[in-house]
Protein backbone atom coordinates (compact mmCIF):
# COMPACT_ATOMS: atom_id res chain seq x y z
CA UNK A 1 118.14 -117.70 16.46
CA UNK A 2 116.57 -116.24 13.30
CA UNK A 3 114.74 -119.50 12.64
CA UNK A 4 113.49 -119.54 16.25
CA UNK A 5 112.11 -116.00 15.88
CA UNK A 6 110.42 -116.99 12.63
CA UNK A 7 108.75 -119.94 14.34
CA UNK A 8 107.58 -117.76 17.22
CA UNK A 9 106.18 -115.18 14.82
CA UNK A 10 104.62 -118.01 12.83
CA UNK A 11 102.83 -119.35 15.91
CA UNK A 12 101.36 -115.95 16.72
CA UNK A 13 100.49 -115.19 13.12
CA UNK A 14 98.71 -118.53 12.71
CA UNK A 15 96.67 -117.94 15.87
CA UNK A 16 95.83 -114.40 14.79
CA UNK A 17 94.81 -115.58 11.34
CA UNK A 18 92.39 -117.98 13.00
CA UNK A 19 91.11 -115.12 15.14
CA UNK A 20 90.69 -113.01 12.02
CA UNK A 21 88.79 -115.78 10.25
CA UNK A 22 86.29 -116.24 13.05
CA UNK A 23 86.00 -112.49 13.70
CA UNK A 24 85.27 -112.03 10.00
CA UNK A 25 82.54 -114.66 10.15
CA UNK A 26 81.01 -112.88 13.15
CA UNK A 27 81.22 -109.50 11.38
CA UNK A 28 79.64 -110.88 8.20
CA UNK A 29 76.86 -112.55 10.16
CA UNK A 30 76.10 -109.38 12.13
CA UNK A 31 76.03 -107.31 8.92
CA UNK A 32 73.43 -109.68 7.50
CA UNK A 33 71.41 -110.11 10.71
CA UNK A 34 71.28 -106.53 11.98
CA UNK A 35 69.92 -103.47 10.25
CA UNK A 36 72.62 -100.97 9.14
CA UNK A 37 71.61 -98.59 11.95
CA UNK A 38 72.03 -101.41 14.52
CA UNK A 39 75.35 -102.51 13.03
CA UNK A 40 76.52 -98.91 13.21
CA UNK A 41 75.63 -98.78 16.92
CA UNK A 42 77.42 -102.09 17.58
CA UNK A 43 80.58 -100.89 15.85
CA UNK A 44 80.44 -97.54 17.66
CA UNK A 45 80.64 -99.37 20.99
CA UNK A 46 84.02 -100.79 20.04
CA UNK A 47 85.10 -97.47 18.57
CA UNK A 48 84.45 -95.96 22.00
CA UNK A 49 86.33 -98.76 23.76
CA UNK A 50 89.39 -98.61 21.51
CA UNK A 51 89.52 -94.83 21.85
CA UNK A 52 89.29 -94.60 25.63
CA UNK A 53 91.23 -97.78 26.44
CA UNK A 54 94.29 -96.40 24.66
CA UNK A 55 93.82 -93.17 26.59
CA UNK A 56 93.82 -94.89 29.98
CA UNK A 57 96.39 -97.63 29.41
CA UNK A 58 99.10 -94.98 28.86
CA UNK A 59 101.46 -97.25 26.93
CA UNK A 60 101.72 -99.77 29.78
CA UNK A 61 101.07 -102.88 27.61
CA UNK A 62 103.87 -101.84 25.23
CA UNK A 63 106.23 -101.17 28.13
CA UNK A 64 105.79 -104.77 29.33
CA UNK A 65 107.56 -106.00 26.20
CA UNK A 66 110.47 -103.69 26.99
CA UNK A 67 110.94 -104.24 30.73
CA UNK A 68 109.93 -107.85 31.39
CA UNK A 69 112.51 -109.54 29.08
CA UNK A 70 115.27 -107.56 30.83
CA UNK A 71 114.45 -109.03 34.27
CA UNK A 72 116.53 -112.13 34.93
CA UNK A 73 115.24 -113.44 38.30
CA UNK A 74 111.77 -115.00 38.58
CA UNK A 75 111.01 -113.04 41.77
CA UNK A 76 111.71 -109.78 39.96
CA UNK A 77 109.42 -110.87 37.15
CA UNK A 78 106.64 -111.71 39.62
CA UNK A 79 106.93 -108.35 41.35
CA UNK A 80 106.80 -106.54 38.00
CA UNK A 81 103.76 -108.53 36.84
CA UNK A 82 101.92 -108.00 40.16
CA UNK A 83 102.49 -104.24 40.13
CA UNK A 84 101.31 -104.09 36.52
CA UNK A 85 98.17 -106.15 37.13
CA UNK A 86 97.23 -104.00 40.15
CA UNK A 87 97.67 -100.80 38.16
CA UNK A 88 95.72 -102.11 35.16
CA UNK A 89 92.85 -103.24 37.39
CA UNK A 90 92.57 -99.76 38.90
CA UNK A 91 92.54 -98.18 35.42
CA UNK A 92 89.83 -100.62 34.31
CA UNK A 93 87.53 -99.51 37.14
CA UNK A 94 88.10 -95.86 36.22
CA UNK A 95 87.25 -96.59 32.58
CA UNK A 96 84.08 -98.52 33.47
CA UNK A 97 82.86 -95.69 35.68
CA UNK A 98 83.64 -93.11 32.99
CA UNK A 99 81.65 -95.00 30.34
CA UNK A 100 78.65 -95.26 32.66
CA UNK A 101 78.69 -91.60 33.70
CA UNK A 102 79.36 -90.20 30.22
CA UNK A 103 76.96 -92.44 28.30
CA UNK A 104 74.44 -89.65 27.66
CA UNK A 105 77.10 -87.24 26.46
CA UNK A 106 78.59 -89.86 24.11
CA UNK A 107 75.15 -90.70 22.69
CA UNK A 108 74.53 -87.03 21.94
CA UNK A 109 77.92 -86.55 20.26
CA UNK A 110 77.28 -89.56 17.99
CA UNK A 111 73.64 -88.54 17.35
CA UNK A 112 72.66 -92.04 18.47
CA UNK A 113 70.14 -92.27 21.37
CA UNK A 114 70.43 -96.07 21.34
CA UNK A 115 73.97 -95.81 22.76
CA UNK A 116 72.56 -94.39 26.00
CA UNK A 117 71.10 -97.81 26.84
CA UNK A 118 73.78 -99.97 25.24
CA UNK A 119 76.57 -98.26 27.18
CA UNK A 120 74.96 -99.25 30.49
CA UNK A 121 75.58 -102.88 29.51
CA UNK A 122 78.90 -102.18 27.83
CA UNK A 123 80.36 -100.31 30.83
CA UNK A 124 81.62 -103.54 32.43
CA UNK A 125 83.60 -104.51 29.30
CA UNK A 126 86.88 -102.80 30.31
CA UNK A 127 86.78 -104.54 33.72
CA UNK A 128 87.34 -107.80 31.87
CA UNK A 129 89.30 -106.78 28.79
CA UNK A 130 92.07 -104.70 30.38
CA UNK A 131 93.46 -107.79 32.11
CA UNK A 132 93.10 -109.94 29.00
CA UNK A 133 95.00 -107.31 26.98
CA UNK A 134 98.03 -107.34 29.25
CA UNK A 135 97.93 -111.14 29.67
CA UNK A 136 99.08 -111.59 26.09
CA UNK A 137 101.78 -108.95 26.53
CA UNK A 138 103.02 -110.60 29.74
CA UNK A 139 103.29 -114.01 28.07
CA UNK A 140 105.22 -112.46 25.18
CA UNK A 141 107.47 -110.62 27.65
CA UNK A 142 108.18 -113.99 29.25
CA UNK A 143 108.94 -115.28 25.74
CA UNK A 144 106.08 -117.77 25.80
CA UNK A 145 104.29 -117.10 22.49
CA UNK A 146 102.54 -120.49 22.58
CA UNK A 147 100.57 -119.40 25.65
CA UNK A 148 99.62 -116.19 23.88
CA UNK A 149 98.50 -118.18 20.85
CA UNK A 150 96.50 -120.57 23.06
CA UNK A 151 94.76 -117.67 24.76
CA UNK A 152 94.00 -116.13 21.37
CA UNK A 153 92.27 -119.32 20.26
CA UNK A 154 90.28 -119.55 23.51
CA UNK A 155 89.18 -115.92 23.10
CA UNK A 156 88.09 -116.63 19.53
CA UNK A 157 86.08 -119.66 20.63
CA UNK A 158 84.30 -117.64 23.35
CA UNK A 159 83.43 -114.82 20.96
CA UNK A 160 82.28 -117.19 18.26
CA UNK A 161 79.99 -119.17 20.54
CA UNK A 162 78.49 -116.38 22.62
CA UNK A 163 78.39 -113.45 20.19
CA UNK A 164 77.45 -115.30 17.03
CA UNK A 165 75.27 -117.77 18.92
CA UNK A 166 73.33 -114.97 20.59
CA UNK A 167 72.97 -113.15 17.27
CA UNK A 168 71.60 -116.20 15.46
CA UNK A 169 69.15 -117.09 18.24
CA UNK A 170 67.85 -113.67 19.30
CA UNK A 171 68.64 -111.27 16.40
CA UNK A 172 68.48 -108.58 19.08
CA UNK A 173 71.29 -106.03 19.49
CA UNK A 174 70.91 -105.73 23.28
CA UNK A 175 71.22 -109.48 23.78
CA UNK A 176 74.20 -109.56 21.41
CA UNK A 177 75.98 -106.97 23.58
CA UNK A 178 75.22 -109.15 26.61
CA UNK A 179 76.83 -112.03 24.71
CA UNK A 180 79.92 -109.87 24.23
CA UNK A 181 80.04 -109.24 27.98
CA UNK A 182 79.74 -112.94 28.87
CA UNK A 183 82.51 -113.85 26.40
CA UNK A 184 84.73 -111.15 27.92
CA UNK A 185 84.02 -112.51 31.41
CA UNK A 186 85.19 -116.00 30.45
CA UNK A 187 88.35 -114.63 28.85
CA UNK A 188 89.06 -112.59 31.97
CA UNK A 189 88.61 -115.67 34.15
CA UNK A 190 91.08 -117.68 32.08
CA UNK A 191 93.68 -114.89 32.09
CA UNK A 192 93.27 -114.21 35.81
CA UNK A 193 93.63 -117.92 36.65
CA UNK A 194 96.84 -118.28 34.62
CA UNK A 195 98.33 -115.06 35.94
CA UNK A 196 97.81 -116.34 39.50
CA UNK A 197 101.11 -118.25 39.49
CA UNK A 198 102.99 -115.02 38.74
CA UNK A 199 101.28 -112.85 41.34
CA UNK A 200 102.86 -112.20 44.72
CA UNK A 201 102.49 -109.85 47.67
CA UNK A 202 103.90 -106.40 46.97
CA UNK A 203 103.88 -103.02 48.67
CA UNK A 204 103.44 -99.70 46.94
CA UNK A 205 106.74 -98.93 45.21
CA UNK A 206 107.13 -95.37 43.84
CA UNK A 207 110.41 -96.27 42.13
CA UNK A 208 108.67 -98.99 40.12
CA UNK A 209 105.98 -96.65 38.87
CA UNK A 210 108.51 -93.90 38.20
CA UNK A 211 110.62 -96.12 35.96
CA UNK A 212 107.59 -97.55 34.18
CA UNK A 213 106.01 -94.18 33.52
CA UNK A 214 109.27 -92.63 32.37
CA UNK A 215 109.24 -95.16 29.55
CA UNK A 216 105.51 -95.63 29.02
CA UNK A 217 104.15 -92.08 29.33
CA UNK A 218 105.79 -90.71 26.16
CA UNK A 219 104.86 -93.95 24.44
CA UNK A 220 101.39 -93.86 25.94
CA UNK A 221 100.79 -90.27 24.87
CA UNK A 222 102.03 -91.21 21.41
CA UNK A 223 99.69 -94.21 21.40
CA UNK A 224 96.77 -92.00 22.42
CA UNK A 225 97.53 -89.47 19.72
CA UNK A 226 98.37 -92.20 17.22
CA UNK A 227 95.12 -93.99 18.01
CA UNK A 228 93.19 -90.75 17.58
CA UNK A 229 94.92 -90.29 14.23
CA UNK A 230 93.80 -93.78 13.20
CA UNK A 231 90.29 -93.50 14.65
CA UNK A 232 89.77 -89.83 13.87
CA UNK A 233 88.13 -90.56 10.54
CA UNK A 234 85.59 -92.84 12.24
CA UNK A 235 84.97 -90.35 15.04
CA UNK A 236 84.43 -87.54 12.52
CA UNK A 237 82.08 -89.67 10.41
CA UNK A 238 80.16 -90.69 13.55
CA UNK A 239 79.78 -87.00 14.41
CA UNK A 240 78.68 -85.89 10.92
CA UNK A 241 76.62 -88.86 9.70
CA UNK A 242 73.96 -91.32 10.90
CA UNK A 243 74.78 -94.69 12.52
CA UNK A 244 73.63 -96.44 9.31
CA UNK A 245 76.04 -94.36 7.23
CA UNK A 246 78.77 -95.02 9.78
CA UNK A 247 78.19 -98.76 9.30
CA UNK A 248 78.90 -98.38 5.58
CA UNK A 249 82.03 -96.32 6.26
CA UNK A 250 83.37 -98.64 8.98
CA UNK A 251 83.16 -101.72 6.76
CA UNK A 252 85.30 -100.01 4.15
CA UNK A 253 87.60 -98.19 6.57
CA UNK A 254 90.06 -101.03 7.06
CA UNK A 255 93.57 -101.80 5.77
CA UNK A 256 92.94 -105.53 5.50
CA UNK A 257 93.03 -106.96 9.04
CA UNK A 258 95.39 -109.65 7.77
CA UNK A 259 98.12 -107.04 7.55
CA UNK A 260 97.59 -105.85 11.12
CA UNK A 261 97.79 -109.47 12.25
CA UNK A 262 101.07 -109.98 10.44
CA UNK A 263 102.61 -106.73 11.72
CA UNK A 264 101.47 -107.19 15.31
CA UNK A 265 102.67 -110.78 15.49
CA UNK A 266 106.08 -110.06 13.99
CA UNK A 267 106.57 -106.89 16.05
CA UNK A 268 105.61 -108.66 19.27
CA UNK A 269 108.55 -110.97 18.65
CA UNK A 270 110.94 -108.34 17.28
CA UNK A 271 110.70 -105.78 20.09
CA UNK A 272 111.95 -108.03 22.93
CA UNK A 273 114.80 -109.32 20.73
CA UNK A 274 115.88 -105.91 19.43
CA UNK A 275 115.62 -104.43 22.94
CA UNK A 276 117.92 -107.09 24.37
CA UNK A 277 120.20 -107.24 21.28
CA UNK A 278 120.33 -103.72 19.73
CA UNK A 279 123.47 -104.60 17.75
CA UNK A 280 121.38 -106.96 15.61
CA UNK A 281 118.83 -104.32 14.63
CA UNK A 282 119.85 -104.24 10.96
CA UNK A 283 119.76 -108.02 10.48
CA UNK A 284 116.50 -108.56 12.36
CA UNK A 285 114.61 -105.58 10.94
CA UNK A 286 115.76 -106.03 7.34
CA UNK A 287 114.69 -109.68 7.23
CA UNK A 288 111.28 -108.76 8.64
CA UNK A 289 110.71 -106.01 6.04
CA UNK A 290 111.56 -108.31 3.13
CA UNK A 291 109.19 -111.04 4.30
CA UNK A 292 106.39 -108.59 5.02
CA UNK A 293 106.66 -107.15 1.50
CA UNK A 294 106.18 -110.61 -0.02
CA UNK A 295 102.73 -110.79 1.60
CA UNK A 296 101.62 -107.17 1.80
CA UNK A 297 102.30 -106.05 -1.78
CA UNK A 298 100.22 -108.77 -3.49
CA UNK A 299 97.38 -108.37 -0.97
CA UNK A 300 97.31 -104.64 -1.72
CA UNK A 301 97.05 -105.27 -5.46
CA UNK A 302 94.38 -107.95 -5.05
CA UNK A 303 92.36 -105.67 -2.77
CA UNK A 304 92.42 -102.86 -5.32
CA UNK A 305 91.38 -105.18 -8.15
CA UNK A 306 88.65 -107.14 -6.36
CA UNK A 307 87.35 -104.62 -3.79
CA UNK A 308 83.75 -104.40 -5.00
CA UNK A 309 83.08 -108.14 -5.50
CA UNK A 310 84.80 -108.88 -2.18
CA UNK A 311 82.65 -106.42 -0.21
CA UNK A 312 79.49 -107.58 -1.97
CA UNK A 313 80.29 -111.25 -1.40
CA UNK A 314 81.02 -110.79 2.29
CA UNK A 315 78.52 -108.15 3.39
CA UNK A 316 75.87 -108.16 0.61
CA UNK A 317 75.03 -105.43 -1.88
CA UNK A 318 73.68 -103.30 1.00
CA UNK A 319 77.29 -102.29 1.71
CA UNK A 320 78.46 -101.94 -1.90
CA UNK A 321 79.19 -98.26 -1.22
CA UNK A 322 81.96 -99.39 1.18
CA UNK A 323 84.17 -100.56 -1.71
CA UNK A 324 85.58 -97.14 -2.81
CA UNK A 325 86.41 -96.33 0.84
CA UNK A 326 88.14 -99.71 1.16
CA UNK A 327 90.22 -99.02 -1.98
CA UNK A 328 91.39 -95.66 -0.64
CA UNK A 329 92.65 -97.27 2.58
CA UNK A 330 94.55 -99.88 0.57
CA UNK A 331 96.90 -97.10 -0.59
CA UNK A 332 98.36 -97.25 2.93
CA UNK A 333 99.39 -100.89 2.63
CA UNK A 334 102.83 -100.41 1.02
CA UNK A 335 103.80 -98.50 4.18
CA UNK A 336 102.99 -101.50 6.32
CA UNK A 337 105.96 -103.61 5.24
CA UNK A 338 107.66 -102.06 8.27
CA UNK A 339 106.70 -100.67 11.67
CA UNK A 340 108.78 -97.57 12.05
CA UNK A 341 108.03 -96.74 15.67
CA UNK A 342 109.42 -100.07 16.87
CA UNK A 343 112.97 -98.84 16.21
CA UNK A 344 112.46 -95.86 18.51
CA UNK A 345 110.82 -98.11 21.14
CA UNK A 346 113.70 -100.58 21.06
CA UNK A 347 116.31 -97.81 21.37
CA UNK A 348 114.36 -96.09 24.17
CA UNK A 349 113.70 -92.98 22.05
CA UNK A 350 109.94 -92.91 22.56
CA UNK A 351 109.74 -89.10 22.55
CA UNK A 352 110.09 -89.19 18.76
CA UNK A 353 106.96 -91.34 18.54
CA UNK A 354 105.07 -88.83 20.65
CA UNK A 355 106.22 -85.84 18.57
CA UNK A 356 105.32 -87.60 15.34
CA UNK A 357 101.89 -88.46 16.69
CA UNK A 358 101.19 -84.86 17.76
CA UNK A 359 102.13 -83.54 14.31
CA UNK A 360 100.08 -86.10 12.41
CA UNK A 361 97.04 -85.80 14.69
CA UNK A 362 96.88 -82.04 14.18
CA UNK A 363 97.20 -82.45 10.44
CA UNK A 364 94.67 -85.28 10.38
CA UNK A 365 92.05 -83.32 12.32
CA UNK A 366 92.20 -80.37 9.92
CA UNK A 367 92.19 -82.53 6.78
CA UNK A 368 89.39 -84.82 8.00
CA UNK A 369 86.97 -82.02 8.78
CA UNK A 370 87.86 -80.11 5.62
CA UNK A 371 87.59 -83.04 3.20
CA UNK A 372 84.46 -84.50 4.82
CA UNK A 373 82.69 -81.18 4.35
CA UNK A 374 83.94 -80.90 0.75
CA UNK A 375 83.45 -84.43 -0.62
CA UNK A 376 81.61 -86.48 2.03
CA UNK A 377 82.60 -89.66 3.88
CA UNK A 378 85.34 -90.68 1.46
CA UNK A 379 87.13 -87.45 2.36
CA UNK A 380 87.88 -88.90 5.79
CA UNK A 381 89.59 -91.88 4.16
CA UNK A 382 91.65 -89.70 1.83
CA UNK A 383 92.75 -87.48 4.72
CA UNK A 384 93.89 -90.49 6.74
CA UNK A 385 95.96 -91.86 3.87
CA UNK A 386 97.67 -88.52 3.22
CA UNK A 387 98.59 -88.19 6.88
CA UNK A 388 99.88 -91.78 7.09
CA UNK A 389 102.35 -91.22 4.25
CA UNK A 390 103.45 -87.93 5.80
CA UNK A 391 103.99 -89.63 9.18
CA UNK A 392 106.25 -92.32 7.68
CA UNK A 393 108.24 -89.65 5.84
CA UNK A 394 108.95 -87.95 9.19
CA UNK A 395 109.99 -91.25 10.77
CA UNK A 396 112.41 -92.05 7.94
CA UNK A 397 113.97 -88.60 8.22
CA UNK A 398 114.53 -89.09 11.96
CA UNK A 399 115.86 -92.63 11.57
CA UNK A 400 118.49 -91.35 9.15
CA UNK A 401 119.38 -88.01 10.71
CA UNK A 402 118.62 -88.34 14.43
CA UNK A 403 119.28 -92.04 15.09
CA UNK A 404 122.08 -92.10 12.48
CA UNK A 405 120.92 -95.42 11.07
CA UNK A 406 121.53 -96.48 7.49
CA UNK A 407 118.18 -96.72 5.69
CA UNK A 408 119.63 -99.00 3.01
CA UNK A 409 120.72 -101.42 5.72
CA UNK A 410 117.27 -101.36 7.32
CA UNK A 411 115.26 -101.58 4.10
CA UNK A 412 116.34 -104.13 1.46
CA UNK A 413 115.45 -101.88 -1.50
CA UNK A 414 116.50 -104.33 -4.28
CA UNK A 415 114.33 -107.09 -2.76
CA UNK A 416 111.42 -104.69 -2.24
CA UNK A 417 111.73 -103.49 -5.86
CA UNK A 418 111.73 -107.07 -7.20
CA UNK A 419 108.63 -107.88 -5.17
CA UNK A 420 106.86 -104.75 -6.40
CA UNK A 421 107.74 -105.59 -10.02
CA UNK A 422 106.41 -109.14 -9.62
CA UNK A 423 103.16 -107.81 -8.20
CA UNK A 424 102.80 -105.19 -10.96
CA UNK A 425 103.22 -107.79 -13.72
CA UNK A 426 100.74 -110.11 -12.01
CA UNK A 427 98.20 -107.30 -11.51
CA UNK A 428 98.38 -106.30 -15.19
CA UNK A 429 97.75 -109.91 -16.21
CA UNK A 430 94.79 -110.17 -13.84
CA UNK A 431 93.28 -106.90 -15.10
CA UNK A 432 93.77 -108.07 -18.69
CA UNK A 433 91.68 -111.18 -17.96
CA UNK A 434 88.86 -109.03 -16.58
CA UNK A 435 89.12 -106.54 -19.46
CA UNK A 436 88.97 -109.26 -22.12
CA UNK A 437 86.37 -111.61 -20.61
CA UNK A 438 84.29 -109.33 -18.33
CA UNK A 439 83.64 -109.23 -14.59
CA UNK A 440 81.42 -112.26 -14.06
CA UNK A 441 82.16 -114.46 -11.04
CA UNK A 442 83.82 -117.16 -13.14
CA UNK A 443 86.18 -114.65 -14.73
CA UNK A 444 86.87 -113.03 -11.34
CA UNK A 445 88.11 -116.42 -10.12
CA UNK A 446 90.13 -116.90 -13.32
CA UNK A 447 91.72 -113.46 -12.87
CA UNK A 448 92.57 -114.29 -9.23
CA UNK A 449 94.23 -117.58 -10.21
CA UNK A 450 96.16 -115.82 -12.98
CA UNK A 451 97.49 -113.32 -10.44
CA UNK A 452 98.56 -115.98 -7.93
CA UNK A 453 100.30 -118.20 -10.49
CA UNK A 454 102.01 -115.28 -12.21
CA UNK A 455 103.18 -113.81 -8.89
CA UNK A 456 104.68 -117.10 -7.77
CA UNK A 457 106.65 -117.78 -10.96
CA UNK A 458 107.60 -114.13 -11.58
CA UNK A 459 108.70 -113.77 -7.96
CA UNK A 460 110.90 -116.87 -8.26
CA UNK A 461 112.36 -115.73 -11.59
CA UNK A 462 113.27 -112.31 -10.17
CA UNK A 463 114.58 -113.82 -6.89
CA UNK A 464 111.99 -111.92 -4.89
CA UNK A 465 110.73 -115.25 -3.56
CA UNK A 466 113.76 -117.16 -2.27
CA UNK A 467 114.13 -120.93 -1.80
CA UNK A 468 114.15 -120.28 1.96
CA UNK A 469 110.66 -118.76 1.74
CA UNK A 470 109.25 -121.75 -0.14
CA UNK A 471 110.96 -124.20 2.22
CA UNK A 472 109.60 -122.37 5.27
CA UNK A 473 106.03 -122.52 3.91
CA UNK A 474 106.44 -126.24 3.19
CA UNK A 475 107.61 -126.79 6.77
CA UNK A 476 104.58 -124.96 8.16
CA UNK A 477 102.24 -127.00 5.94
CA UNK A 478 103.91 -130.27 6.94
CA UNK A 479 103.66 -129.35 10.63
CA UNK A 480 99.97 -128.55 10.19
CA UNK A 481 99.39 -131.90 8.43
CA UNK A 482 101.20 -133.78 11.21
CA UNK A 483 99.11 -132.05 13.89
CA UNK A 484 95.88 -132.83 12.02
CA UNK A 485 96.95 -136.48 11.58
CA UNK A 486 97.93 -136.66 15.25
CA UNK A 487 94.53 -135.31 16.35
CA UNK A 488 92.85 -138.02 14.31
């Protein structure tokens, strides 16, 4: 069972890594094609979408992963999926209309007149993307991660061809946004076609919506507030600074997308299994935390060491000022070895997530405005990191005292400590190479290789990296080789 979950998570993670790779290429290309003010406008469109989509979806996508695996009969599953699709479609129309009607107000708030025109085009985006968002959740709820992975790859291909292709040919922001819309349309068509087999005739059922909203509303409100906590720094910077300055901030204001990919893929597998087998929460969760630490800790250290050359290499020296902001956000990474809210979701205690989100949002709003006024854009990043650590502290307190769970059973502290020690030794070696030889590109590569080699052998010596981990990686590589050979 554990091996099966690992394979499922591996499938999703591999697909998401591919998505990340192509999305990164698109982002790098746009940063080099567009002027900073245009890139800022482009990124603000998706800031608006992510903000309002979370507001309107009300936790429904997350609730799918809770309810759908519990339904045993296929007819019950079809009814649930049909009700959900109908509701999501209605919400998508509301969102599209809101974007169109509020475009002038949004442009004024962001001090960006260009958004007034771009939002006319962008208003149709939620009509397509709401369905594609729940398609992946439905497939995961049906325990079909391969279909989710396939859809991820199709989505990546559409974005790569139509967004990047349009950018390279036209170098015009308005046409690029049209390319985004066409890619979203194709993704919607694929999702709608594949969902057709699960759709059936249903009548309005108040009991269905009552049960769904009892679970999803607290979670949805928490997601809204949690999203605002995450996006608040970007919203504040958009309100205080120019679109060009926002472009610089937004490039640095990330926690390494690789980590989000890893967490989202693993959690998408964990939630259905923990929900249906709560007695296994310690075993499942503990194994996930240990494996996440093996990847997240070294990536955090490498990001801190190589932030400036990485930003410069990817986005050019124009965005060199993004590096310090990027380094501040990396301080959040050690927290990401676990997703704390998933325990409350699995045990149907979503009110704790909502309360935590309300507390952290209030704190984040005050700190963001205060620190931005005192020290500029980087103050927004510092505020977000402080609030993130405070939020996790609250969760751990509740897990121990309210849920009565043993933290030592959930978090393998000896294994985490060994991994942290391995990373620290490797980081000191890498920094020593740069201190002795300088920061030229050749020595940057040498320092990176020194870190990787030292981490591998130190991790093995300290038993942070277990034989199982090495064997699992070998299996994944062998499977990839076999698939490549088979395609030939």
